[in-house]
């Protein structure tokens, strides 16, 4: 990584890969690396690249502006879809100056990173790290300083207090205040309202409210609404989302808003986590990335109430009454729930025979085959395997955003309900191992 010749070769590969990634735009522009930094960190090398686009053609300013806009769009799509990684890998393969060993290392790194769920590492679970607390594995997902500048405090933000529960409390509460001091301003002065609430509660109890666990929605709002209708969802039922409500699909904002408004709960998926991280970065003064990030745009567009709901999502939920656990990706058997690695809970897919826990798809080694209960785990994240049914595990990510289905499990009867996607919203690609 300190060899000047290697840096020049890497610069040449990146230039070729970026040019190819913007397809037909590369006929007009050539990408030239203006700054290349290689930073070693814990056995990995992070590459920071700045590049400029040059054209030898005499173009009108108006046409140039339109072309630059198209190029930015092409770059954004290439990064989001994984096309950029494939293009750079192809450029490395075609380079005639690199040795075969160096080529194979570069290509292997790129293809390992080429993952729809944006996960980059293998994780070893052993006795040395099994007992480490959450803080040793990841940064806190909520920064206390945000209360000074974020959506939950600060001079220009809404002030949340106990009184906000009530209508007329100053911030659009949801219930009328039937306390003795406010009874005169309550609907019908409290003479009818409470009986109506009691009647609604009794009806809900008689209907035996259910828990409805739903797999990865990824912004597919139409399919979510259809699924709830098919499940005969009624007020009193509790919706539990298994993570990844956002990203890739057509309307992430509406999915989060709907989840919050119907009183749903959920667990944190890796894409939900990225939105929270981007929001923290925005609050810290980060600027919009040059190459578009969907997570950035979602974090920028969510309302304060929806952001607060996103921040509230835990790593997992446990229900003793149902004998169930809810998590986005999975658990490692033999480790106490309080000691599970949060990043693995959002990203894992396979556990190899040597104990390696990885986010990669290894067909014959799903993590859930090793989970020995006694609680049944309901999880998402693994669209490649589709519906998974084990003795103590149930995988509900059936790839709706990729043109598959959106699936729910109704508890306690464990009845499965699915609706088909209206179309393919995002192209599904993954390298199998």
Protein backbone atom coordinates (compact mmCIF):
# COMPACT_ATOMS: atom_id res chain seq x y z
CA UNK A 1 0.00 0.00 0.00
CA UNK A 2 3.07 2.29 0.30
CA UNK A 3 4.49 1.30 -3.06
CA UNK A 4 4.22 4.17 -5.56
CA UNK A 5 3.77 1.78 -8.46
CA UNK A 6 0.88 0.04 -6.71
CA UNK A 7 -0.78 3.40 -6.00
CA UNK A 8 -0.50 4.36 -9.67
CA UNK A 9 -1.97 1.03 -10.70
CA UNK A 10 -4.85 1.43 -8.25
CA UNK A 11 -5.47 4.95 -9.54
CA UNK A 12 -5.57 3.66 -13.10
CA UNK A 13 -8.02 0.87 -12.17
CA UNK A 14 -10.31 3.23 -10.30
CA UNK A 15 -10.32 5.70 -13.22
CA UNK A 16 -11.22 2.96 -15.68
CA UNK A 17 -13.84 1.47 -13.35
CA UNK A 18 -15.54 4.81 -12.69
CA UNK A 19 -15.59 5.67 -16.39
CA UNK A 20 -17.09 2.30 -17.27
CA UNK A 21 -19.65 2.51 -14.46
CA UNK A 22 -21.28 5.54 -16.05
CA UNK A 23 -21.76 3.50 -19.24
CA UNK A 24 -22.44 5.58 -22.31
CA UNK A 25 -21.46 8.78 -20.47
CA UNK A 26 -17.87 7.52 -20.57
CA UNK A 27 -17.89 8.17 -24.32
CA UNK A 28 -18.01 11.87 -23.45
CA UNK A 29 -16.13 12.00 -20.16
CA UNK A 30 -12.93 10.45 -18.86
CA UNK A 31 -12.51 10.06 -15.12
CA UNK A 32 -9.18 11.30 -13.75
CA UNK A 33 -8.09 10.69 -10.19
CA UNK A 34 -7.11 13.98 -8.53
CA UNK A 35 -6.49 12.65 -5.03
CA UNK A 36 -5.99 9.11 -3.78
CA UNK A 37 -5.46 8.26 -0.13
CA UNK A 38 -4.87 4.78 1.30
CA UNK A 39 -5.43 4.53 5.05
CA UNK A 40 -4.60 1.25 6.85
CA UNK A 41 -6.87 0.49 9.78
CA UNK A 42 -7.13 -2.79 11.74
CA UNK A 43 -5.94 -5.02 8.91
CA UNK A 44 -8.00 -3.25 6.22
CA UNK A 45 -7.08 -0.44 3.85
CA UNK A 46 -9.62 2.33 3.36
CA UNK A 47 -9.52 4.04 -0.03
CA UNK A 48 -10.52 7.71 -0.36
CA UNK A 49 -10.84 8.88 -3.95
CA UNK A 50 -11.47 12.27 -5.50
CA UNK A 51 -11.87 12.40 -9.24
CA UNK A 52 -12.78 14.85 -11.96
CA UNK A 53 -14.50 14.29 -15.29
CA UNK A 54 -12.88 15.67 -18.44
CA UNK A 55 -14.18 15.97 -21.99
CA UNK A 56 -12.31 16.83 -25.16
CA UNK A 57 -15.54 17.71 -26.94
CA UNK A 58 -16.77 21.27 -27.48
CA UNK A 59 -20.13 21.18 -25.69
CA UNK A 60 -22.74 23.86 -25.07
CA UNK A 61 -23.13 24.95 -21.46
CA UNK A 62 -26.81 23.95 -21.34
CA UNK A 63 -26.03 20.49 -22.71
CA UNK A 64 -23.06 20.15 -20.36
CA UNK A 65 -25.25 20.88 -17.30
CA UNK A 66 -27.77 18.24 -18.37
CA UNK A 67 -24.98 15.75 -19.00
CA UNK A 68 -23.40 16.38 -15.61
CA UNK A 69 -26.78 15.78 -13.99
CA UNK A 70 -27.10 12.49 -15.89
CA UNK A 71 -23.59 11.48 -14.83
CA UNK A 72 -24.38 12.13 -11.16
CA UNK A 73 -27.51 10.00 -11.51
CA UNK A 74 -25.51 7.21 -13.19
CA UNK A 75 -22.89 7.32 -10.44
CA UNK A 76 -25.55 7.17 -7.76
CA UNK A 77 -27.24 4.16 -9.38
CA UNK A 78 -23.88 2.43 -9.89
CA UNK A 79 -22.98 2.78 -6.21
CA UNK A 80 -26.42 1.77 -4.91
CA UNK A 81 -26.81 -1.25 -7.21
CA UNK A 82 -23.26 -2.57 -6.84
CA UNK A 83 -22.43 -1.84 -10.47
CA UNK A 84 -19.49 0.35 -9.41
CA UNK A 85 -17.87 -2.55 -7.54
CA UNK A 86 -18.33 -4.86 -10.52
CA UNK A 87 -16.95 -2.24 -12.91
CA UNK A 88 -13.82 -1.69 -10.82
CA UNK A 89 -13.35 -5.44 -10.42
CA UNK A 90 -13.56 -5.83 -14.20
CA UNK A 91 -11.02 -3.03 -14.68
CA UNK A 92 -8.65 -4.83 -12.29
CA UNK A 93 -9.08 -8.09 -14.22
CA UNK A 94 -8.29 -6.36 -17.54
CA UNK A 95 -5.22 -4.50 -16.23
CA UNK A 96 -2.04 -5.93 -17.75
CA UNK A 97 0.48 -4.55 -15.26
CA UNK A 98 -0.75 -6.28 -12.09
CA UNK A 99 0.27 -9.75 -11.03
CA UNK A 100 -2.41 -12.43 -10.88
CA UNK A 101 -2.14 -12.57 -7.06
CA UNK A 102 -2.75 -8.82 -6.68
CA UNK A 103 -5.66 -8.97 -9.14
CA UNK A 104 -7.29 -11.81 -7.24
CA UNK A 105 -6.91 -9.95 -3.94
CA UNK A 106 -8.48 -6.77 -5.34
CA UNK A 107 -11.34 -8.63 -7.01
CA UNK A 108 -12.01 -10.76 -3.93
CA UNK A 109 -12.23 -7.64 -1.74
CA UNK A 110 -14.60 -5.94 -4.16
CA UNK A 111 -16.88 -8.94 -4.51
CA UNK A 112 -16.95 -9.54 -0.78
CA UNK A 113 -18.19 -5.96 -0.42
CA UNK A 114 -20.71 -6.45 -3.22
CA UNK A 115 -23.66 -7.14 -0.93
CA UNK A 116 -27.16 -5.67 -1.21
CA UNK A 117 -27.32 -5.24 2.55
CA UNK A 118 -24.09 -3.17 2.70
CA UNK A 119 -22.28 -5.41 5.16
CA UNK A 120 -18.56 -5.79 4.84
CA UNK A 121 -17.04 -8.10 7.38
CA UNK A 122 -16.87 -11.65 8.72
CA UNK A 123 -17.17 -12.01 12.45
CA UNK A 124 -15.63 -14.68 14.66
CA UNK A 125 -17.58 -15.48 17.81
CA UNK A 126 -15.35 -16.93 20.51
CA UNK A 127 -14.87 -16.92 24.24
CA UNK A 128 -12.89 -13.68 24.08
CA UNK A 129 -15.67 -11.57 22.60
CA UNK A 130 -18.78 -13.49 23.63
CA UNK A 131 -19.03 -11.65 26.92
CA UNK A 132 -18.27 -8.12 25.69
CA UNK A 133 -20.95 -5.46 26.17
CA UNK A 134 -22.77 -3.76 23.31
CA UNK A 135 -20.55 -0.67 23.49
CA UNK A 136 -17.48 -2.70 22.51
CA UNK A 137 -19.02 -3.59 19.16
CA UNK A 138 -20.68 -0.45 17.90
CA UNK A 139 -21.13 3.25 18.47
CA UNK A 140 -24.14 4.32 20.52
CA UNK A 141 -27.11 4.70 18.19
CA UNK A 142 -28.40 7.69 20.14
CA UNK A 143 -26.17 10.66 20.96
CA UNK A 144 -27.32 12.51 24.09
CA UNK A 145 -25.96 15.75 22.60
CA UNK A 146 -28.57 15.48 19.86
CA UNK A 147 -31.19 16.63 22.35
CA UNK A 148 -29.62 20.08 22.06
CA UNK A 149 -29.79 20.26 18.27
CA UNK A 150 -31.88 17.36 16.98
CA UNK A 151 -35.59 16.87 16.50
CA UNK A 152 -36.18 16.20 20.20
CA UNK A 153 -35.00 19.49 21.65
CA UNK A 154 -33.32 22.78 20.84
CA UNK A 155 -34.60 26.28 20.11
CA UNK A 156 -36.37 25.37 16.88
CA UNK A 157 -37.62 21.91 17.80
CA UNK A 158 -40.84 20.71 19.37
CA UNK A 159 -40.81 20.43 23.15
CA UNK A 160 -41.97 17.03 24.33
CA UNK A 161 -43.45 16.59 27.77
CA UNK A 162 -45.97 14.42 29.60
CA UNK A 163 -48.72 16.88 28.71
CA UNK A 164 -48.16 16.22 24.99
CA UNK A 165 -50.23 13.08 25.42
CA UNK A 166 -53.33 15.24 25.58
CA UNK A 167 -55.12 17.30 22.96
CA UNK A 168 -54.56 21.01 23.45
CA UNK A 169 -51.23 20.40 25.18
CA UNK A 170 -49.47 22.60 22.65
CA UNK A 171 -47.99 19.95 20.39
CA UNK A 172 -50.97 18.12 18.91
CA UNK A 173 -51.51 15.40 21.49
CA UNK A 174 -53.63 12.36 20.75
CA UNK A 175 -56.04 12.08 23.69
CA UNK A 176 -58.47 14.47 25.29
CA UNK A 177 -57.54 15.40 28.87
CA UNK A 178 -60.22 14.03 31.18
CA UNK A 179 -58.49 15.09 34.40
CA UNK A 180 -60.61 16.93 36.94
CA UNK A 181 -59.02 20.30 36.18
CA UNK A 182 -59.65 19.94 32.42
CA UNK A 183 -62.99 18.11 32.39
CA UNK A 184 -64.92 21.17 31.21
CA UNK A 185 -62.89 21.34 28.00
CA UNK A 186 -63.09 17.60 27.29
CA UNK A 187 -65.55 16.28 24.68
CA UNK A 188 -69.09 16.18 26.12
CA UNK A 189 -67.46 17.30 29.40
CA UNK A 190 -66.39 13.73 29.93
CA UNK A 191 -69.88 12.31 30.15
CA UNK A 192 -69.71 10.26 26.95
CA UNK A 193 -66.04 9.97 26.03
CA UNK A 194 -64.96 7.58 28.74
CA UNK A 195 -67.86 5.20 28.09
CA UNK A 196 -66.98 5.18 24.39
CA UNK A 197 -63.36 4.35 25.21
CA UNK A 198 -64.45 1.57 27.55
CA UNK A 199 -66.72 0.14 24.86
CA UNK A 200 -63.89 0.16 22.31
CA UNK A 201 -61.56 -1.56 24.77
CA UNK A 202 -64.11 -4.25 25.58
CA UNK A 203 -64.72 -4.93 21.88
CA UNK A 204 -60.97 -5.25 21.32
CA UNK A 205 -60.65 -7.70 24.22
CA UNK A 206 -63.55 -9.80 22.95
CA UNK A 207 -61.89 -10.05 19.56
CA UNK A 208 -58.68 -11.41 21.13
CA UNK A 209 -56.05 -8.99 19.79
CA UNK A 210 -53.22 -10.61 17.88
CA UNK A 211 -49.55 -9.94 17.21
CA UNK A 212 -48.70 -9.63 13.51
CA UNK A 213 -44.99 -9.94 12.69
CA UNK A 214 -44.05 -8.61 9.24
CA UNK A 215 -40.86 -9.21 7.24
CA UNK A 216 -38.72 -6.65 5.41
CA UNK A 217 -40.97 -3.97 3.88
CA UNK A 218 -38.26 -1.82 2.22
CA UNK A 219 -40.62 1.04 1.41
CA UNK A 220 -43.29 -1.11 -0.30
CA UNK A 221 -46.27 0.81 1.09
CA UNK A 222 -48.93 -0.60 -1.27
CA UNK A 223 -48.01 -4.18 -0.45
CA UNK A 224 -47.96 -3.37 3.28
CA UNK A 225 -51.48 -1.98 3.14
CA UNK A 226 -52.68 -5.00 1.14
CA UNK A 227 -51.07 -7.37 3.64
CA UNK A 228 -52.74 -5.70 6.62
CA UNK A 229 -56.11 -5.95 4.88
CA UNK A 230 -55.53 -9.63 4.15
CA UNK A 231 -54.59 -10.18 7.81
CA UNK A 232 -57.87 -8.48 8.77
CA UNK A 233 -55.92 -5.99 10.87
CA UNK A 234 -58.06 -4.13 13.42
CA UNK A 235 -57.23 -1.61 16.14
CA UNK A 236 -56.03 -3.61 19.11
CA UNK A 237 -53.80 -5.86 17.03
CA UNK A 238 -50.09 -5.21 17.52
CA UNK A 239 -47.83 -4.97 14.47
CA UNK A 240 -44.19 -5.96 14.95
CA UNK A 241 -41.88 -5.07 12.06
CA UNK A 242 -38.78 -7.23 11.72
CA UNK A 243 -36.57 -4.40 10.49
CA UNK A 244 -35.61 -2.76 7.19
CA UNK A 245 -38.77 -0.74 6.77
CA UNK A 246 -36.86 1.66 4.55
CA UNK A 247 -34.62 1.85 1.47
CA UNK A 248 -34.71 0.35 -2.04
CA UNK A 249 -38.52 0.50 -2.41
CA UNK A 250 -40.87 3.21 -3.69
CA UNK A 251 -42.01 5.05 -0.53
CA UNK A 252 -39.96 4.61 2.65
CA UNK A 253 -41.36 7.78 4.23
CA UNK A 254 -44.96 6.57 4.05
CA UNK A 255 -44.05 3.19 5.53
CA UNK A 256 -42.43 4.78 8.60
CA UNK A 257 -45.28 7.26 9.01
CA UNK A 258 -47.87 4.49 8.80
CA UNK A 259 -45.97 2.29 11.25
CA UNK A 260 -45.86 5.09 13.78
CA UNK A 261 -49.49 6.14 13.31
CA UNK A 262 -50.91 2.64 13.86
CA UNK A 263 -48.85 2.20 17.03
CA UNK A 264 -46.59 -0.47 15.58
CA UNK A 265 -43.32 -1.50 17.15
CA UNK A 266 -40.32 -3.12 15.53
CA UNK A 267 -36.65 -4.03 15.67
CA UNK A 268 -33.76 -2.23 14.06
CA UNK A 269 -32.62 -3.44 10.64
CA UNK A 270 -29.32 -2.55 9.00
CA UNK A 271 -30.99 -0.07 6.64
CA UNK A 272 -32.91 1.54 9.49
CA UNK A 273 -29.58 1.82 11.33
CA UNK A 274 -27.99 3.58 8.34
CA UNK A 275 -30.80 6.15 8.30
CA UNK A 276 -30.26 6.83 12.00
CA UNK A 277 -26.51 7.16 11.47
CA UNK A 278 -27.02 9.59 8.59
CA UNK A 279 -29.36 11.67 10.70
CA UNK A 280 -26.73 11.85 13.43
CA UNK A 281 -24.21 12.95 10.80
CA UNK A 282 -26.58 15.63 9.50
CA UNK A 283 -27.10 16.94 13.03
CA UNK A 284 -23.31 17.08 13.39
CA UNK A 285 -23.06 19.27 10.28
CA UNK A 286 -22.37 16.74 7.55
CA UNK A 287 -23.11 17.93 4.03
CA UNK A 288 -25.01 16.09 1.34
CA UNK A 289 -22.74 13.49 -0.30
CA UNK A 290 -21.69 14.20 -3.88
CA UNK A 291 -22.84 10.74 -4.93
CA UNK A 292 -26.42 10.39 -3.80
CA UNK A 293 -27.20 8.23 -0.77
CA UNK A 294 -30.76 7.00 -0.34
CA UNK A 295 -30.23 6.72 3.41
CA UNK A 296 -29.20 10.39 3.53
CA UNK A 297 -32.31 11.50 1.66
CA UNK A 298 -34.58 9.42 3.89
CA UNK A 299 -32.94 10.82 7.03
CA UNK A 300 -33.34 14.34 5.66
CA UNK A 301 -37.01 13.93 4.74
CA UNK A 302 -38.47 12.08 7.74
CA UNK A 303 -40.56 14.15 10.12
CA UNK A 304 -39.45 14.71 13.71
CA UNK A 305 -42.08 12.28 14.98
CA UNK A 306 -41.02 9.59 12.50
CA UNK A 307 -37.34 10.07 13.36
CA UNK A 308 -38.15 9.69 17.03
CA UNK A 309 -39.95 6.43 16.21
CA UNK A 310 -36.94 5.20 14.20
CA UNK A 311 -34.59 6.00 17.08
CA UNK A 312 -36.80 3.98 19.42
CA UNK A 313 -36.29 0.69 17.54
CA UNK A 314 -34.36 -1.82 19.72
CA UNK A 315 -31.98 -4.55 18.60
CA UNK A 316 -34.47 -7.25 19.54
CA UNK A 317 -37.79 -7.83 21.34
CA UNK A 318 -38.55 -10.73 23.67
CA UNK A 319 -42.04 -11.98 24.59
CA UNK A 320 -42.26 -14.62 27.30
CA UNK A 321 -46.04 -14.86 26.84
CA UNK A 322 -45.66 -15.81 23.17
CA UNK A 323 -42.44 -17.77 23.67
CA UNK A 324 -40.97 -15.64 20.88
CA UNK A 325 -38.02 -13.43 20.03
CA UNK A 326 -38.09 -10.80 17.29
CA UNK A 327 -34.85 -9.70 15.59
CA UNK A 328 -33.83 -8.45 12.16
CA UNK A 329 -31.07 -10.88 11.18
CA UNK A 330 -30.42 -13.46 13.88
CA UNK A 331 -28.77 -14.68 17.07
CA UNK A 332 -25.74 -16.80 17.87
CA UNK A 333 -26.78 -19.90 19.82
CA UNK A 334 -25.15 -20.36 23.21
CA UNK A 335 -24.73 -16.65 23.97
CA UNK A 336 -27.03 -14.82 26.37
CA UNK A 337 -29.35 -12.32 24.72
CA UNK A 338 -27.82 -9.44 26.68
CA UNK A 339 -24.38 -10.40 25.31
CA UNK A 340 -25.35 -10.77 21.64
CA UNK A 341 -23.43 -8.58 19.18
CA UNK A 342 -25.80 -5.85 17.91
CA UNK A 343 -24.14 -5.69 14.52
CA UNK A 344 -24.62 -9.40 14.03
CA UNK A 345 -28.26 -9.08 15.09
CA UNK A 346 -28.70 -6.69 12.15
CA UNK A 347 -26.51 -8.41 9.56
CA UNK A 348 -25.80 -12.13 10.02
CA UNK A 349 -27.02 -14.80 7.61
CA UNK A 350 -24.78 -17.85 8.00
CA UNK A 351 -22.70 -19.68 10.59
CA UNK A 352 -19.96 -21.81 9.05
CA UNK A 353 -18.76 -25.16 10.44
CA UNK A 354 -15.70 -23.51 11.99
CA UNK A 355 -17.92 -21.09 13.96
CA UNK A 356 -17.49 -18.09 11.69
CA UNK A 357 -20.56 -15.85 11.78
CA UNK A 358 -20.97 -14.00 8.50
CA UNK A 359 -23.36 -11.72 6.68
CA UNK A 360 -22.75 -13.69 3.49
CA UNK A 361 -25.14 -16.23 2.00
CA UNK A 362 -23.79 -19.77 2.33
CA UNK A 363 -26.57 -22.01 1.10
CA UNK A 364 -26.02 -24.95 3.43
CA UNK A 365 -25.21 -23.01 6.59
CA UNK A 366 -28.12 -20.82 7.70
CA UNK A 367 -27.64 -19.58 11.26
CA UNK A 368 -31.18 -20.61 12.30
CA UNK A 369 -30.45 -24.32 11.89
CA UNK A 370 -28.24 -24.05 15.01
CA UNK A 371 -30.71 -22.12 17.15
CA UNK A 372 -31.93 -24.53 19.82
CA UNK A 373 -34.61 -22.40 21.47
CA UNK A 374 -36.55 -22.70 23.63
CA UNK A 375 -38.00 -19.41 22.31
CA UNK A 376 -38.91 -19.24 18.63
CA UNK A 377 -37.04 -16.53 16.71
CA UNK A 378 -38.94 -14.53 14.08
CA UNK A 379 -36.50 -12.74 11.78
CA UNK A 380 -36.05 -11.12 8.36
CA UNK A 381 -33.01 -9.90 6.39
CA UNK A 382 -32.33 -13.04 4.33
CA UNK A 383 -34.34 -12.67 1.11
CA UNK A 384 -32.03 -15.10 -0.69
CA UNK A 385 -33.39 -18.02 1.33
CA UNK A 386 -36.97 -16.76 1.26
CA UNK A 387 -39.41 -18.22 3.76
CA UNK A 388 -37.45 -20.22 6.34
CA UNK A 389 -39.08 -22.63 8.77
CA UNK A 390 -37.11 -24.37 11.50
CA UNK A 391 -38.03 -25.97 14.81
CA UNK A 392 -37.27 -22.75 16.69
CA UNK A 393 -36.92 -20.22 13.90
CA UNK A 394 -39.08 -18.52 11.27
CA UNK A 395 -37.59 -16.30 8.55
CA UNK A 396 -40.11 -13.91 6.97
CA UNK A 397 -38.06 -11.95 4.40
CA UNK A 398 -39.57 -13.17 1.16
CA UNK A 399 -38.09 -10.45 -1.06
CA UNK A 400 -41.02 -8.12 -1.68
CA UNK A 401 -38.84 -5.26 -2.93
CA UNK A 402 -37.19 -7.68 -5.39
CA UNK A 403 -40.54 -8.69 -6.87
CA UNK A 404 -41.26 -11.51 -4.41
CA UNK A 405 -43.77 -11.39 -1.57
CA UNK A 406 -44.40 -9.53 1.68
CA UNK A 407 -45.07 -12.04 4.44
CA UNK A 408 -46.59 -11.85 7.92
CA UNK A 409 -46.92 -14.35 10.74
CA UNK A 410 -49.99 -13.97 12.95
CA UNK A 411 -49.41 -14.96 16.57
CA UNK A 412 -50.20 -16.87 18.67
CA UNK A 413 -51.61 -19.25 16.04
CA UNK A 414 -48.48 -18.90 13.84
CA UNK A 415 -50.52 -18.47 10.69
CA UNK A 416 -48.60 -17.24 7.62
CA UNK A 417 -50.11 -14.65 5.26
CA UNK A 418 -48.45 -13.27 2.12
CA UNK A 419 -49.16 -10.84 -0.71
CA UNK A 420 -47.26 -10.65 -4.00
CA UNK A 421 -45.27 -7.57 -4.94
CA UNK A 422 -46.79 -5.34 -7.59
CA UNK A 423 -43.49 -5.36 -9.44
CA UNK A 424 -39.73 -5.60 -9.00
CA UNK A 425 -38.58 -2.35 -7.41
CA UNK A 426 -34.91 -3.24 -6.98
CA UNK A 427 -32.75 -5.74 -8.84
CA UNK A 428 -31.68 -8.64 -6.65
CA UNK A 429 -28.05 -9.65 -6.86
CA UNK A 430 -25.83 -11.58 -4.53
CA UNK A 431 -22.71 -13.68 -4.95
CA UNK A 432 -23.29 -17.17 -3.56
CA UNK A 433 -20.57 -19.04 -1.70
